Amino acid sequence: MQIRPLYDRIIVRRLEQQRQTASGIVIPDTASEKPEQGEVIAVGSGRLLQDGSVRPLQVKSGDRVLFGKYSGQAVKIDGEEYLVMREEDVFGVIEDSAQLKKAA
């Protein structure tokens, strides 16, 4: 599957959360909420500004992001569900603590 979002849109695949509590109780799919974290699959070229220039996006493919519960538009491509959203719908990028320690 090749998809290229336009302008400041990004394609995100939701990351599944753990479906079992610490005490071992399994949470059924119908009772669990949709995850609010995802992996960026593709990004657009950037936000088109009023002066005609393009501002590049802050997120890139492979980033883990945090977004609102009702953010984006769900689409199915090749049987898999993705979210199409604008970069402004992303609250932040989740940094891996192991990578941060290596950089320090």
PDB file of N, CA and C in Angstrom:
ATOM      1  N   MET A   1       0.831  -1.168   0.000  1.00  0.00           N
ATOM      2  CA  MET A   1       0.000   0.000   0.000  1.00  0.00           C
ATOM      3  C   MET A   1       0.879   1.236   0.000  1.00  0.00           C
ATOM      4  N   GLN A   2       0.651   2.109  -0.927  1.00  0.00           N
ATOM      5  CA  GLN A   2       1.327   3.393  -0.988  1.00  0.00           C
ATOM      6  C   GLN A   2       0.275   4.478  -0.911  1.00  0.00           C
ATOM      7  N   ILE A   3       0.394   5.344   0.063  1.00  0.00           N
ATOM      8  CA  ILE A   3      -0.523   6.467   0.186  1.00  0.00           C
ATOM      9  C   ILE A   3       0.310   7.689   0.551  1.00  0.00           C
ATOM     10  N   ARG A   4       0.014   8.790  -0.082  1.00  0.00           N
ATOM     11  CA  ARG A   4       0.740  10.031   0.156  1.00  0.00           C
ATOM     12  C   ARG A   4      -0.269  11.099   0.557  1.00  0.00           C
ATOM     13  N   PRO A   5      -0.297  11.479   1.832  1.00  0.00           N
ATOM     14  CA  PRO A   5      -1.231  12.517   2.261  1.00  0.00           C
ATOM     15  C   PRO A   5      -0.817  13.878   1.702  1.00  0.00           C
ATOM     16  N   LEU A   6      -1.772  14.763   1.573  1.00  0.00           N
ATOM     17  CA  LEU A   6      -1.516  16.086   1.029  1.00  0.00           C
ATOM     18  C   LEU A   6      -1.310  17.108   2.146  1.00  0.00           C
ATOM     19  N   TYR A   7      -0.472  18.088   1.865  1.00  0.00           N
ATOM     20  CA  TYR A   7      -0.208  19.240   2.729  1.00  0.00           C
ATOM     21  C   TYR A   7       0.118  18.838   4.161  1.00  0.00           C
ATOM     22  N   ASP A   8      -0.670  19.288   5.149  1.00  0.00           N
ATOM     23  CA  ASP A   8      -0.320  19.058   6.551  1.00  0.00           C
ATOM     24  C   ASP A   8      -1.055  17.864   7.156  1.00  0.00           C
ATOM     25  N   ARG A   9      -1.468  16.946   6.325  1.00  0.00           N
ATOM     26  CA  ARG A   9      -2.145  15.744   6.831  1.00  0.00           C
ATOM     27  C   ARG A   9      -1.136  14.625   7.058  1.00  0.00           C
ATOM     28  N   ILE A  10      -1.485  13.753   8.012  1.00  0.00           N
ATOM     29  CA  ILE A  10      -0.660  12.585   8.303  1.00  0.00           C
ATOM     30  C   ILE A  10      -1.552  11.350   8.375  1.00  0.00           C
ATOM     31  N   ILE A  11      -0.960  10.188   8.119  1.00  0.00           N
ATOM     32  CA  ILE A  11      -1.654   8.899   8.223  1.00  0.00           C
ATOM     33  C   ILE A  11      -1.097   8.202   9.465  1.00  0.00           C
ATOM     34  N   VAL A  12      -2.001   7.768  10.359  1.00  0.00           N
ATOM     35  CA  VAL A  12      -1.608   7.164  11.630  1.00  0.00           C
ATOM     36  C   VAL A  12      -2.276   5.805  11.781  1.00  0.00           C
ATOM     37  N   ARG A  13      -1.510   4.831  12.268  1.00  0.00           N
ATOM     38  CA  ARG A  13      -2.058   3.520  12.636  1.00  0.00           C
ATOM     39  C   ARG A  13      -2.132   3.481  14.151  1.00  0.00           C
ATOM     40  N   ARG A  14      -3.329   3.208  14.687  1.00  0.00           N
ATOM     41  CA  ARG A  14      -3.500   3.140  16.142  1.00  0.00           C
ATOM     42  C   ARG A  14      -2.642   2.011  16.709  1.00  0.00           C
ATOM     43  N   LEU A  15      -2.064   2.253  17.885  1.00  0.00           N
ATOM     44  CA  LEU A  15      -1.317   1.224  18.606  1.00  0.00           C
ATOM     45  C   LEU A  15      -2.249   0.591  19.623  1.00  0.00           C
ATOM     46  N   GLU A  16      -2.298  -0.716  19.647  1.00  0.00           N
ATOM     47  CA  GLU A  16      -3.183  -1.438  20.558  1.00  0.00           C
ATOM     48  C   GLU A  16      -2.647  -1.347  21.977  1.00  0.00           C
ATOM     49  N   GLN A  17      -3.548  -1.099  22.922  1.00  0.00           N
ATOM     50  CA  GLN A  17      -3.174  -1.050  24.326  1.00  0.00           C
ATOM     51  C   GLN A  17      -3.313  -2.440  24.939  1.00  0.00           C
ATOM     52  N   GLN A  18      -2.680  -2.600  26.086  1.00  0.00           N
ATOM     53  CA  GLN A  18      -2.775  -3.869  26.795  1.00  0.00           C
ATOM     54  C   GLN A  18      -4.216  -4.108  27.209  1.00  0.00           C
ATOM     55  N   ARG A  19      -4.729  -5.311  26.967  1.00  0.00           N
ATOM     56  CA  ARG A  19      -6.127  -5.631  27.238  1.00  0.00           C
ATOM     57  C   ARG A  19      -6.295  -6.477  28.493  1.00  0.00           C
ATOM     58  N   GLN A  20      -5.341  -6.358  29.426  1.00  0.00           N
ATOM     59  CA  GLN A  20      -5.422  -7.119  30.664  1.00  0.00           C
ATOM     60  C   GLN A  20      -4.990  -6.214  31.815  1.00  0.00           C
ATOM     61  N   THR A  21      -5.730  -6.258  32.916  1.00  0.00           N
ATOM     62  CA  THR A  21      -5.387  -5.444  34.070  1.00  0.00           C
ATOM     63  C   THR A  21      -4.207  -6.064  34.810  1.00  0.00           C
ATOM     64  N   ALA A  22      -3.662  -5.326  35.761  1.00  0.00           N
ATOM     65  CA  ALA A  22      -2.524  -5.823  36.539  1.00  0.00           C
ATOM     66  C   ALA A  22      -2.882  -7.073  37.338  1.00  0.00           C
ATOM     67  N   SER A  23      -4.149  -7.201  37.725  1.00  0.00           N
ATOM     68  CA  SER A  23      -4.569  -8.372  38.496  1.00  0.00           C
ATOM     69  C   SER A  23      -4.905  -9.568  37.608  1.00  0.00           C
ATOM     70  N   GLY A  24      -4.794  -9.398  36.283  1.00  0.00           N
ATOM     71  CA  GLY A  24      -5.005 -10.514  35.371  1.00  0.00           C
ATOM     72  C   GLY A  24      -6.368 -10.562  34.725  1.00  0.00           C
ATOM     73  N   ILE A  25      -7.215  -9.567  34.965  1.00  0.00           N
ATOM     74  CA  ILE A  25      -8.546  -9.543  34.365  1.00  0.00           C
ATOM     75  C   ILE A  25      -8.425  -9.082  32.914  1.00  0.00           C
ATOM     76  N   VAL A  26      -8.971  -9.860  32.013  1.00  0.00           N
ATOM     77  CA  VAL A  26      -8.928  -9.531  30.592  1.00  0.00           C
ATOM     78  C   VAL A  26     -10.099  -8.626  30.258  1.00  0.00           C
ATOM     79  N   ILE A  27      -9.808  -7.514  29.569  1.00  0.00           N
ATOM     80  CA  ILE A  27     -10.844  -6.549  29.192  1.00  0.00           C
ATOM     81  C   ILE A  27     -11.329  -6.897  27.784  1.00  0.00           C
ATOM     82  N   PRO A  28     -12.626  -7.143  27.592  1.00  0.00           N
ATOM     83  CA  PRO A  28     -13.125  -7.471  26.250  1.00  0.00           C
ATOM     84  C   PRO A  28     -13.072  -6.259  25.326  1.00  0.00           C
ATOM     85  N   ASP A  29     -13.046  -6.517  24.018  1.00  0.00           N
ATOM     86  CA  ASP A  29     -12.968  -5.450  23.018  1.00  0.00           C
ATOM     87  C   ASP A  29     -14.110  -4.456  23.141  1.00  0.00           C
ATOM     88  N   THR A  30     -15.298  -4.925  23.494  1.00  0.00           N
ATOM     89  CA  THR A  30     -16.460  -4.041  23.561  1.00  0.00           C
ATOM     90  C   THR A  30     -16.371  -3.065  24.727  1.00  0.00           C
ATOM     91  N   ALA A  31     -15.614  -3.397  25.773  1.00  0.00           N
ATOM     92  CA  ALA A  31     -15.515  -2.538  26.958  1.00  0.00           C
ATOM     93  C   ALA A  31     -14.318  -1.595  26.899  1.00  0.00           C
ATOM     94  N   SER A  32     -13.375  -1.867  26.042  1.00  0.00           N
ATOM     95  CA  SER A  32     -12.175  -1.036  26.005  1.00  0.00           C
ATOM     96  C   SER A  32     -12.357   0.145  25.055  1.00  0.00           C
ATOM     97  N   GLU A  33     -11.682   1.243  25.385  1.00  0.00           N
ATOM     98  CA  GLU A  33     -11.737   2.427  24.541  1.00  0.00           C
ATOM     99  C   GLU A  33     -10.678   2.328  23.449  1.00  0.00           C
ATOM    100  N   LYS A  34     -10.865   3.106  22.398  1.00  0.00           N
ATOM    101  CA  LYS A  34      -9.885   3.116  21.324  1.00  0.00           C
ATOM    102  C   LYS A  34      -8.598   3.768  21.828  1.00  0.00           C
ATOM    103  N   PRO A  35      -7.459   3.240  21.422  1.00  0.00           N
ATOM    104  CA  PRO A  35      -6.200   3.821  21.879  1.00  0.00           C
ATOM    105  C   PRO A  35      -6.010   5.235  21.352  1.00  0.00           C
ATOM    106  N   GLU A  36      -5.338   6.041  22.140  1.00  0.00           N
ATOM    107  CA  GLU A  36      -5.075   7.429  21.776  1.00  0.00           C
ATOM    108  C   GLU A  36      -3.615   7.634  21.391  1.00  0.00           C
ATOM    109  N   GLN A  37      -2.935   6.537  21.094  1.00  0.00           N
ATOM    110  CA  GLN A  37      -1.558   6.585  20.627  1.00  0.00           C
ATOM    111  C   GLN A  37      -1.492   5.887  19.283  1.00  0.00           C
ATOM    112  N   GLY A  38      -0.557   6.314  18.463  1.00  0.00           N
ATOM    113  CA  GLY A  38      -0.419   5.682  17.169  1.00  0.00           C
ATOM    114  C   GLY A  38       0.960   5.889  16.585  1.00  0.00           C
ATOM    115  N   GLU A  39       1.193   5.185  15.488  1.00  0.00           N
ATOM    116  CA  GLU A  39       2.452   5.305  14.758  1.00  0.00           C
ATOM    117  C   GLU A  39       2.171   6.018  13.447  1.00  0.00           C
ATOM    118  N   VAL A  40       2.988   7.025  13.149  1.00  0.00           N
ATOM    119  CA  VAL A  40       2.832   7.775  11.910  1.00  0.00           C
ATOM    120  C   VAL A  40       3.334   6.901  10.758  1.00  0.00           C
ATOM    121  N   ILE A  41       2.468   6.682   9.761  1.00  0.00           N
ATOM    122  CA  ILE A  41       2.797   5.854   8.610  1.00  0.00           C
ATOM    123  C   ILE A  41       3.296   6.714   7.447  1.00  0.00           C
ATOM    124  N   ALA A  42       2.649   7.852   7.223  1.00  0.00           N
ATOM    125  CA  ALA A  42       3.032   8.737   6.120  1.00  0.00           C
ATOM    126  C   ALA A  42       2.712  10.174   6.488  1.00  0.00           C
ATOM    127  N   VAL A  43       3.481  11.106   5.943  1.00  0.00           N
ATOM    128  CA  VAL A  43       3.260  12.530   6.200  1.00  0.00           C
ATOM    129  C   VAL A  43       3.187  13.285   4.884  1.00  0.00           C
ATOM    130  N   GLY A  44       2.454  14.388   4.899  1.00  0.00           N
ATOM    131  CA  GLY A  44       2.335  15.235   3.725  1.00  0.00           C
ATOM    132  C   GLY A  44       3.557  16.129   3.561  1.00  0.00           C
ATOM    133  N   SER A  45       3.517  16.989   2.571  1.00  0.00           N
ATOM    134  CA  SER A  45       4.665  17.838   2.249  1.00  0.00           C
ATOM    135  C   SER A  45       4.826  19.003   3.205  1.00  0.00           C
ATOM    136  N   GLY A  46       3.763  19.441   3.859  1.00  0.00           N
ATOM    137  CA  GLY A  46       3.858  20.535   4.814  1.00  0.00           C
ATOM    138  C   GLY A  46       2.652  21.442   4.730  1.00  0.00           C
ATOM    139  N   ARG A  47       2.588  22.376   5.660  1.00  0.00           N
ATOM    140  CA  ARG A  47       1.465  23.313   5.710  1.00  0.00           C
ATOM    141  C   ARG A  47       1.697  24.450   4.730  1.00  0.00           C
ATOM    142  N   LEU A  48       0.710  24.715   3.902  1.00  0.00           N
ATOM    143  CA  LEU A  48       0.776  25.800   2.931  1.00  0.00           C
ATOM    144  C   LEU A  48       0.418  27.110   3.635  1.00  0.00           C
ATOM    145  N   LEU A  49       1.348  28.051   3.671  1.00  0.00           N
ATOM    146  CA  LEU A  49       1.136  29.329   4.345  1.00  0.00           C
ATOM    147  C   LEU A  49       0.510  30.338   3.391  1.00  0.00           C
ATOM    148  N   GLN A  50       0.014  31.450   3.936  1.00  0.00           N
ATOM    149  CA  GLN A  50      -0.675  32.454   3.126  1.00  0.00           C
ATOM    150  C   GLN A  50       0.227  33.092   2.078  1.00  0.00           C
ATOM    151  N   ASP A  51       1.522  33.172   2.358  1.00  0.00           N
ATOM    152  CA  ASP A  51       2.430  33.779   1.380  1.00  0.00           C
ATOM    153  C   ASP A  51       2.858  32.798   0.284  1.00  0.00           C
ATOM    154  N   GLY A  52       2.328  31.587   0.318  1.00  0.00           N
ATOM    155  CA  GLY A  52       2.615  30.598  -0.711  1.00  0.00           C
ATOM    156  C   GLY A  52       3.751  29.655  -0.371  1.00  0.00           C
ATOM    157  N   SER A  53       4.456  29.910   0.718  1.00  0.00           N
ATOM    158  CA  SER A  53       5.542  29.018   1.112  1.00  0.00           C
ATOM    159  C   SER A  53       4.982  27.817   1.866  1.00  0.00           C
ATOM    160  N   VAL A  54       5.793  26.798   2.004  1.00  0.00           N
ATOM    161  CA  VAL A  54       5.379  25.565   2.674  1.00  0.00           C
ATOM    162  C   VAL A  54       6.230  25.372   3.923  1.00  0.00           C
ATOM    163  N   ARG A  55       5.578  25.215   5.079  1.00  0.00           N
ATOM    164  CA  ARG A  55       6.275  24.932   6.337  1.00  0.00           C
ATOM    165  C   ARG A  55       6.306  23.422   6.528  1.00  0.00           C
ATOM    166  N   PRO A  56       7.496  22.826   6.635  1.00  0.00           N
ATOM    167  CA  PRO A  56       7.563  21.371   6.801  1.00  0.00           C
ATOM    168  C   PRO A  56       6.938  20.921   8.120  1.00  0.00           C
ATOM    169  N   LEU A  57       6.490  19.670   8.160  1.00  0.00           N
ATOM    170  CA  LEU A  57       5.836  19.123   9.345  1.00  0.00           C
ATOM    171  C   LEU A  57       6.862  18.769  10.420  1.00  0.00           C
ATOM    172  N   GLN A  58       6.433  18.796  11.671  1.00  0.00           N
ATOM    173  CA  GLN A  58       7.289  18.458  12.803  1.00  0.00           C
ATOM    174  C   GLN A  58       7.377  16.948  13.032  1.00  0.00           C
ATOM    175  N   VAL A  59       6.368  16.201  12.583  1.00  0.00           N
ATOM    176  CA  VAL A  59       6.377  14.739  12.756  1.00  0.00           C
ATOM    177  C   VAL A  59       6.921  14.088  11.498  1.00  0.00           C
ATOM    178  N   LYS A  60       7.409  12.858  11.656  1.00  0.00           N
ATOM    179  CA  LYS A  60       7.924  12.108  10.507  1.00  0.00           C
ATOM    180  C   LYS A  60       7.442  10.666  10.596  1.00  0.00           C
ATOM    181  N   SER A  61       7.568   9.945   9.525  1.00  0.00           N
ATOM    182  CA  SER A  61       7.157   8.539   9.511  1.00  0.00           C
ATOM    183  C   SER A  61       7.916   7.774  10.587  1.00  0.00           C
ATOM    184  N   GLY A  62       7.196   6.918  11.294  1.00  0.00           N
ATOM    185  CA  GLY A  62       7.798   6.109  12.342  1.00  0.00           C
ATOM    186  C   GLY A  62       7.646   6.694  13.734  1.00  0.00           C
ATOM    187  N   ASP A  63       7.283   7.971  13.860  1.00  0.00           N
ATOM    188  CA  ASP A  63       7.083   8.589  15.169  1.00  0.00           C
ATOM    189  C   ASP A  63       5.871   7.986  15.861  1.00  0.00           C
ATOM    190  N   ARG A  64       5.960   7.838  17.193  1.00  0.00           N
ATOM    191  CA  ARG A  64       4.798   7.469  18.010  1.00  0.00           C
ATOM    192  C   ARG A  64       4.196   8.759  18.505  1.00  0.00           C
ATOM    193  N   VAL A  65       2.905   8.951  18.273  1.00  0.00           N
ATOM    194  CA  VAL A  65       2.259  10.213  18.613  1.00  0.00           C
ATOM    195  C   VAL A  65       1.074   9.997  19.540  1.00  0.00           C
ATOM    196  N   LEU A  66       0.718  11.059  20.243  1.00  0.00           N
ATOM    197  CA  LEU A  66      -0.418  11.085  21.141  1.00  0.00           C
ATOM    198  C   LEU A  66      -1.439  12.039  20.534  1.00  0.00           C
ATOM    199  N   PHE A  67      -2.706  11.610  20.456  1.00  0.00           N
ATOM    200  CA  PHE A  67      -3.738  12.432  19.836  1.00  0.00           C
ATOM    201  C   PHE A  67      -5.042  12.280  20.596  1.00  0.00           C
ATOM    202  N   GLY A  68      -6.014  13.135  20.283  1.00  0.00           N
ATOM    203  CA  GLY A  68      -7.304  13.122  20.967  1.00  0.00           C
ATOM    204  C   GLY A  68      -8.129  11.899  20.623  1.00  0.00           C
ATOM    205  N   LYS A  69      -9.047  11.583  21.506  1.00  0.00           N
ATOM    206  CA  LYS A  69      -9.898  10.400  21.358  1.00  0.00           C
ATOM    207  C   LYS A  69     -10.703  10.420  20.057  1.00  0.00           C
ATOM    208  N   TYR A  70     -11.164  11.596  19.664  1.00  0.00           N
ATOM    209  CA  TYR A  70     -12.007  11.699  18.477  1.00  0.00           C
ATOM    210  C   TYR A  70     -11.299  12.406  17.323  1.00  0.00           C
ATOM    211  N   SER A  71      -9.984  12.418  17.324  1.00  0.00           N
ATOM    212  CA  SER A  71      -9.218  13.085  16.274  1.00  0.00           C
ATOM    213  C   SER A  71      -9.193  12.249  15.002  1.00  0.00           C
ATOM    214  N   GLY A  72      -9.154  12.931  13.881  1.00  0.00           N
ATOM    215  CA  GLY A  72      -8.946  12.273  12.603  1.00  0.00           C
ATOM    216  C   GLY A  72     -10.177  11.601  12.027  1.00  0.00           C
ATOM    217  N   GLN A  73     -10.011  11.165  10.809  1.00  0.00           N
ATOM    218  CA  GLN A  73     -11.051  10.455  10.067  1.00  0.00           C
ATOM    219  C   GLN A  73     -10.571   9.024   9.827  1.00  0.00           C
ATOM    220  N   ALA A  74     -11.333   8.040  10.260  1.00  0.00           N
ATOM    221  CA  ALA A  74     -10.960   6.638  10.090  1.00  0.00           C
ATOM    222  C   ALA A  74     -11.213   6.199   8.656  1.00  0.00           C
ATOM    223  N   VAL A  75     -10.227   5.521   8.069  1.00  0.00           N
ATOM    224  CA  VAL A  75     -10.357   4.952   6.722  1.00  0.00           C
ATOM    225  C   VAL A  75      -9.802   3.533   6.749  1.00  0.00           C
ATOM    226  N   LYS A  76     -10.356   2.677   5.899  1.00  0.00           N
ATOM    227  CA  LYS A  76      -9.856   1.309   5.772  1.00  0.00           C
ATOM    228  C   LYS A  76      -9.168   1.169   4.429  1.00  0.00           C
ATOM    229  N   ILE A  77      -7.930   0.680   4.458  1.00  0.00           N
ATOM    230  CA  ILE A  77      -7.160   0.443   3.243  1.00  0.00           C
ATOM    231  C   ILE A  77      -6.589  -0.960   3.339  1.00  0.00           C
ATOM    232  N   ASP A  78      -6.887  -1.787   2.364  1.00  0.00           N
ATOM    233  CA  ASP A  78      -6.439  -3.184   2.342  1.00  0.00           C
ATOM    234  C   ASP A  78      -6.800  -3.913   3.628  1.00  0.00           C
ATOM    235  N   GLY A  79      -7.991  -3.643   4.168  1.00  0.00           N
ATOM    236  CA  GLY A  79      -8.475  -4.327   5.353  1.00  0.00           C
ATOM    237  C   GLY A  79      -7.920  -3.825   6.666  1.00  0.00           C
ATOM    238  N   GLU A  80      -7.056  -2.828   6.650  1.00  0.00           N
ATOM    239  CA  GLU A  80      -6.483  -2.281   7.874  1.00  0.00           C
ATOM    240  C   GLU A  80      -6.992  -0.858   8.090  1.00  0.00           C
ATOM    241  N   GLU A  81      -7.274  -0.515   9.351  1.00  0.00           N
ATOM    242  CA  GLU A  81      -7.835   0.803   9.657  1.00  0.00           C
ATOM    243  C   GLU A  81      -6.731   1.802   9.985  1.00  0.00           C
ATOM    244  N   TYR A  82      -6.829   2.967   9.377  1.00  0.00           N
ATOM    245  CA  TYR A  82      -5.893   4.064   9.601  1.00  0.00           C
ATOM    246  C   TYR A  82      -6.676   5.319   9.949  1.00  0.00           C
ATOM    247  N   LEU A  83      -5.990   6.302  10.502  1.00  0.00           N
ATOM    248  CA  LEU A  83      -6.566   7.614  10.762  1.00  0.00           C
ATOM    249  C   LEU A  83      -5.866   8.629   9.872  1.00  0.00           C
ATOM    250  N   VAL A  84      -6.649   9.495   9.258  1.00  0.00           N
ATOM    251  CA  VAL A  84      -6.108  10.620   8.510  1.00  0.00           C
ATOM    252  C   VAL A  84      -6.415  11.857   9.333  1.00  0.00           C
ATOM    253  N   MET A  85      -5.367  12.586   9.724  1.00  0.00           N
ATOM    254  CA  MET A  85      -5.571  13.771  10.557  1.00  0.00           C
ATOM    255  C   MET A  85      -4.581  14.854  10.178  1.00  0.00           C
ATOM    256  N   ARG A  86      -4.868  16.037  10.635  1.00  0.00           N
ATOM    257  CA  ARG A  86      -3.948  17.150  10.434  1.00  0.00           C
ATOM    258  C   ARG A  86      -2.886  17.122  11.533  1.00  0.00           C
ATOM    259  N   GLU A  87      -1.749  17.683  11.233  1.00  0.00           N
ATOM    260  CA  GLU A  87      -0.665  17.707  12.215  1.00  0.00           C
ATOM    261  C   GLU A  87      -1.100  18.427  13.494  1.00  0.00           C
ATOM    262  N   GLU A  88      -1.948  19.430  13.372  1.00  0.00           N
ATOM    263  CA  GLU A  88      -2.387  20.185  14.553  1.00  0.00           C
ATOM    264  C   GLU A  88      -3.240  19.346  15.511  1.00  0.00           C
ATOM    265  N   ASP A  89      -3.752  18.182  15.066  1.00  0.00           N
ATOM    266  CA  ASP A  89      -4.516  17.289  15.929  1.00  0.00           C
ATOM    267  C   ASP A  89      -3.617  16.446  16.829  1.00  0.00           C
ATOM    268  N   VAL A  90      -2.317  16.448  16.571  1.00  0.00           N
ATOM    269  CA  VAL A  90      -1.365  15.678  17.358  1.00  0.00           C
ATOM    270  C   VAL A  90      -0.956  16.497  18.573  1.00  0.00           C
ATOM    271  N   PHE A  91      -1.067  15.896  19.761  1.00  0.00           N
ATOM    272  CA  PHE A  91      -0.700  16.584  21.001  1.00  0.00           C
ATOM    273  C   PHE A  91       0.814  16.568  21.217  1.00  0.00           C
ATOM    274  N   GLY A  92       1.462  15.465  20.826  1.00  0.00           N
ATOM    275  CA  GLY A  92       2.899  15.371  21.043  1.00  0.00           C
ATOM    276  C   GLY A  92       3.463  14.085  20.489  1.00  0.00           C
ATOM    277  N   VAL A  93       4.788  14.033  20.417  1.00  0.00           N
ATOM    278  CA  VAL A  93       5.514  12.855  19.956  1.00  0.00           C
ATOM    279  C   VAL A  93       6.049  12.144  21.193  1.00  0.00           C
ATOM    280  N   ILE A  94       5.851  10.839  21.267  1.00  0.00           N
ATOM    281  CA  ILE A  94       6.314  10.040  22.404  1.00  0.00           C
ATOM    282  C   ILE A  94       7.747   9.621  22.121  1.00  0.00           C
ATOM    283  N   GLU A  95       8.659  10.081  22.976  1.00  0.00           N
ATOM    284  CA  GLU A  95      10.070   9.769  22.819  1.00  0.00           C
ATOM    285  C   GLU A  95      10.383   8.488  23.599  1.00  0.00           C
ATOM    286  N   ASP A  96      11.222   7.649  23.054  1.00  0.00           N
ATOM    287  CA  ASP A  96      11.644   6.421  23.723  1.00  0.00           C
ATOM    288  C   ASP A  96      12.727   6.770  24.737  1.00  0.00           C
ATOM    289  N   SER A  97      12.546   6.389  25.995  1.00  0.00           N
ATOM    290  CA  SER A  97      13.496   6.750  27.047  1.00  0.00           C
ATOM    291  C   SER A  97      14.882   6.137  26.796  1.00  0.00           C
ATOM    292  N   ALA A  98      14.956   4.975  26.158  1.00  0.00           N
ATOM    293  CA  ALA A  98      16.247   4.360  25.862  1.00  0.00           C
ATOM    294  C   ALA A  98      17.025   5.205  24.857  1.00  0.00           C
ATOM    295  N   GLN A  99      16.331   5.760  23.870  1.00  0.00           N
ATOM    296  CA  GLN A  99      16.992   6.611  22.885  1.00  0.00           C
ATOM    297  C   GLN A  99      17.457   7.913  23.534  1.00  0.00           C
ATOM    298  N   LEU A 100      16.669   8.452  24.466  1.00  0.00           N
ATOM    299  CA  LEU A 100      17.034   9.694  25.139  1.00  0.00           C
ATOM    300  C   LEU A 100      18.291   9.509  25.989  1.00  0.00           C
ATOM    301  N   LYS A 101      18.437   8.353  26.643  1.00  0.00           N
ATOM    302  CA  LYS A 101      19.605   8.086  27.460  1.00  0.00           C
ATOM    303  C   LYS A 101      20.858   7.957  26.603  1.00  0.00           C
ATOM    304  N   LYS A 102      20.719   7.346  25.409  1.00  0.00           N
ATOM    305  CA  LYS A 102      21.868   7.211  24.505  1.00  0.00           C
ATOM    306  C   LYS A 102      22.326   8.569  23.985  1.00  0.00           C
ATOM    307  N   ALA A 103      21.363   9.456  23.741  1.00  0.00           N
ATOM    308  CA  ALA A 103      21.691  10.776  23.208  1.00  0.00           C
ATOM    309  C   ALA A 103      22.384  11.654  24.249  1.00  0.00           C
ATOM    310  N   ALA A 104      22.124  11.397  25.532  1.00  0.00           N
ATOM    311  CA  ALA A 104      22.690  12.237  26.607  1.00  0.00           C
ATOM    312  C   ALA A 104      24.119  11.925  26.923  1.00  0.00           C
TER     313      ALA A 104
END
